[in-house]
Every structure is written in structure tokens, then in C-alpha cells.
Amino acid sequence: MQQKPVVQEGIYKFTEGMQGFAEHNTHLLIGLIWPWQGMVLHIPWLLVIRVKR
């Protein structure tokens, strides 16, 4: 029964740490994610343009 509070505390600290990480690195994550989304969105358009030509 004593293990549960420790696990909850560990999960809380982990989530708190992840939130802090996300807050500090949001601009980094967006910078990494947006180019990939842009590439993924542009590849079908490039294929369509090539097929039409």
C-alpha cells in the first residue's frame, strides 16, 4: 500500500517535468514539427503537379 503514493509522486514529477520541458522547448518542437508537416502536405501536391504535366 505504501508503493502507490511513491508511484503517484513519480508520475506527478514526470508530468511536471514534461510540462516544463514542453514550455521551454515549444518553439523548438514547432520548428521541428512544422517543416515535416509542410513536407508531408507538399509531397502530394508535387506529385499531382508532376502527373498533370
N, C-alpha and C. Protein backbone atom coordinates (compact mmCIF):
# COMPACT_ATOMS: atom_id res chain seq x y z
N MET A 1 0.83 -1.21 0.00
CA MET A 1 0.00 0.00 0.00
C MET A 1 0.87 1.27 0.00
N GLN A 2 2.10 1.14 0.51
CA GLN A 2 2.96 2.33 0.59
C GLN A 2 3.61 2.66 -0.75
N GLN A 3 3.53 1.73 -1.72
CA GLN A 3 4.18 1.98 -3.00
C GLN A 3 3.37 2.94 -3.86
N LYS A 4 2.05 2.97 -3.67
CA LYS A 4 1.18 3.77 -4.53
C LYS A 4 1.49 5.27 -4.46
N PRO A 5 1.58 5.88 -3.27
CA PRO A 5 1.91 7.32 -3.22
C PRO A 5 3.24 7.63 -3.90
N VAL A 6 4.20 6.74 -3.77
CA VAL A 6 5.51 6.96 -4.40
C VAL A 6 5.34 6.97 -5.92
N VAL A 7 4.55 6.03 -6.44
CA VAL A 7 4.31 5.95 -7.89
C VAL A 7 3.58 7.21 -8.35
N GLN A 8 2.56 7.62 -7.59
CA GLN A 8 1.80 8.83 -7.95
C GLN A 8 2.72 10.04 -7.94
N GLU A 9 3.59 10.13 -6.93
CA GLU A 9 4.52 11.25 -6.83
C GLU A 9 5.48 11.23 -8.02
N GLY A 10 5.94 10.04 -8.38
CA GLY A 10 6.84 9.90 -9.52
C GLY A 10 6.16 10.32 -10.82
N ILE A 11 4.91 9.91 -11.00
CA ILE A 11 4.14 10.28 -12.19
C ILE A 11 3.92 11.79 -12.21
N TYR A 12 3.59 12.35 -11.04
CA TYR A 12 3.37 13.81 -10.95
C TYR A 12 4.64 14.56 -11.31
N LYS A 13 5.77 14.12 -10.75
CA LYS A 13 7.04 14.78 -11.05
C LYS A 13 7.39 14.63 -12.53
N PHE A 14 7.09 13.47 -13.10
CA PHE A 14 7.38 13.22 -14.52
C PHE A 14 6.53 14.14 -15.40
N THR A 15 5.23 14.21 -15.10
CA THR A 15 4.34 15.06 -15.90
C THR A 15 4.72 16.52 -15.73
N GLU A 16 5.09 16.90 -14.49
CA GLU A 16 5.52 18.28 -14.23
C GLU A 16 6.78 18.58 -15.03
N GLY A 17 7.70 17.64 -15.05
CA GLY A 17 8.94 17.82 -15.81
C GLY A 17 8.66 17.91 -17.30
N MET A 18 7.74 17.07 -17.79
CA MET A 18 7.41 17.09 -19.21
C MET A 18 6.74 18.41 -19.58
N GLN A 19 5.88 18.93 -18.70
CA GLN A 19 5.23 20.22 -18.95
C GLN A 19 6.27 21.32 -19.02
N GLY A 20 7.23 21.29 -18.08
CA GLY A 20 8.29 22.29 -18.09
C GLY A 20 9.12 22.18 -19.35
N PHE A 21 9.44 20.94 -19.75
CA PHE A 21 10.20 20.70 -20.99
C PHE A 21 9.43 21.23 -22.18
N ALA A 22 8.12 20.94 -22.22
CA ALA A 22 7.28 21.39 -23.35
C ALA A 22 7.23 22.91 -23.40
N GLU A 23 7.09 23.54 -22.22
CA GLU A 23 7.01 25.00 -22.18
C GLU A 23 8.31 25.63 -22.67
N HIS A 24 9.43 25.04 -22.27
CA HIS A 24 10.72 25.62 -22.65
C HIS A 24 11.07 25.33 -24.10
N ASN A 25 10.59 24.22 -24.64
CA ASN A 25 11.01 23.79 -25.97
C ASN A 25 9.87 23.79 -26.98
N THR A 26 8.79 24.52 -26.68
CA THR A 26 7.65 24.57 -27.61
C THR A 26 8.10 25.12 -28.95
N HIS A 27 8.89 26.20 -28.92
CA HIS A 27 9.34 26.80 -30.19
C HIS A 27 10.23 25.83 -30.95
N LEU A 28 11.04 25.04 -30.21
CA LEU A 28 11.89 24.04 -30.85
C LEU A 28 11.04 22.94 -31.48
N LEU A 29 10.05 22.46 -30.70
CA LEU A 29 9.19 21.38 -31.20
C LEU A 29 8.41 21.84 -32.43
N ILE A 30 7.87 23.06 -32.36
CA ILE A 30 7.12 23.60 -33.51
C ILE A 30 8.05 23.72 -34.71
N GLY A 31 9.28 24.19 -34.46
CA GLY A 31 10.26 24.33 -35.54
C GLY A 31 10.58 22.99 -36.18
N LEU A 32 10.57 21.92 -35.38
CA LEU A 32 10.86 20.59 -35.92
C LEU A 32 9.63 19.99 -36.60
N ILE A 33 8.45 20.22 -35.99
CA ILE A 33 7.24 19.57 -36.49
C ILE A 33 6.74 20.25 -37.77
N TRP A 34 6.76 21.59 -37.81
CA TRP A 34 6.17 22.30 -38.95
C TRP A 34 6.83 21.95 -40.29
N PRO A 35 8.18 21.91 -40.37
CA PRO A 35 8.78 21.54 -41.66
C PRO A 35 8.34 20.15 -42.12
N TRP A 36 8.21 19.21 -41.18
CA TRP A 36 7.77 17.85 -41.55
C TRP A 36 6.33 17.89 -42.04
N GLN A 37 5.46 18.63 -41.34
CA GLN A 37 4.06 18.74 -41.79
C GLN A 37 4.02 19.40 -43.16
N GLY A 38 4.83 20.44 -43.34
CA GLY A 38 4.87 21.11 -44.63
C GLY A 38 5.32 20.18 -45.73
N MET A 39 6.36 19.36 -45.45
CA MET A 39 6.85 18.41 -46.45
C MET A 39 5.77 17.39 -46.78
N VAL A 40 5.15 16.85 -45.71
CA VAL A 40 4.12 15.82 -45.90
C VAL A 40 2.96 16.38 -46.71
N LEU A 41 2.60 17.66 -46.44
CA LEU A 41 1.48 18.27 -47.16
C LEU A 41 1.87 18.63 -48.59
N HIS A 42 3.16 18.95 -48.83
CA HIS A 42 3.58 19.39 -50.16
C HIS A 42 3.86 18.23 -51.11
N ILE A 43 4.24 17.06 -50.56
CA ILE A 43 4.59 15.92 -51.43
C ILE A 43 3.41 15.54 -52.34
N PRO A 44 2.17 15.40 -51.81
CA PRO A 44 1.05 15.06 -52.70
C PRO A 44 0.83 16.11 -53.78
N TRP A 45 0.99 17.41 -53.43
CA TRP A 45 0.82 18.48 -54.41
C TRP A 45 1.87 18.39 -55.49
N LEU A 46 3.12 18.09 -55.10
CA LEU A 46 4.19 17.94 -56.10
C LEU A 46 3.89 16.77 -57.03
N LEU A 47 3.37 15.68 -56.47
CA LEU A 47 3.03 14.51 -57.29
C LEU A 47 1.89 14.87 -58.26
N VAL A 48 0.88 15.59 -57.76
CA VAL A 48 -0.27 15.98 -58.60
C VAL A 48 0.23 16.88 -59.74
N ILE A 49 1.10 17.84 -59.40
CA ILE A 49 1.61 18.77 -60.43
C ILE A 49 2.39 17.98 -61.48
N ARG A 50 3.21 17.02 -61.04
CA ARG A 50 4.01 16.23 -61.99
C ARG A 50 3.11 15.37 -62.87
N VAL A 51 2.08 14.80 -62.28
CA VAL A 51 1.16 13.94 -63.05
C VAL A 51 0.42 14.78 -64.08
N LYS A 52 -0.02 15.97 -63.68
CA LYS A 52 -0.78 16.84 -64.60
C LYS A 52 0.10 17.32 -65.74
N ARG A 53 1.38 17.55 -65.49
CA ARG A 53 2.28 17.99 -66.55
C ARG A 53 2.69 16.78 -67.37
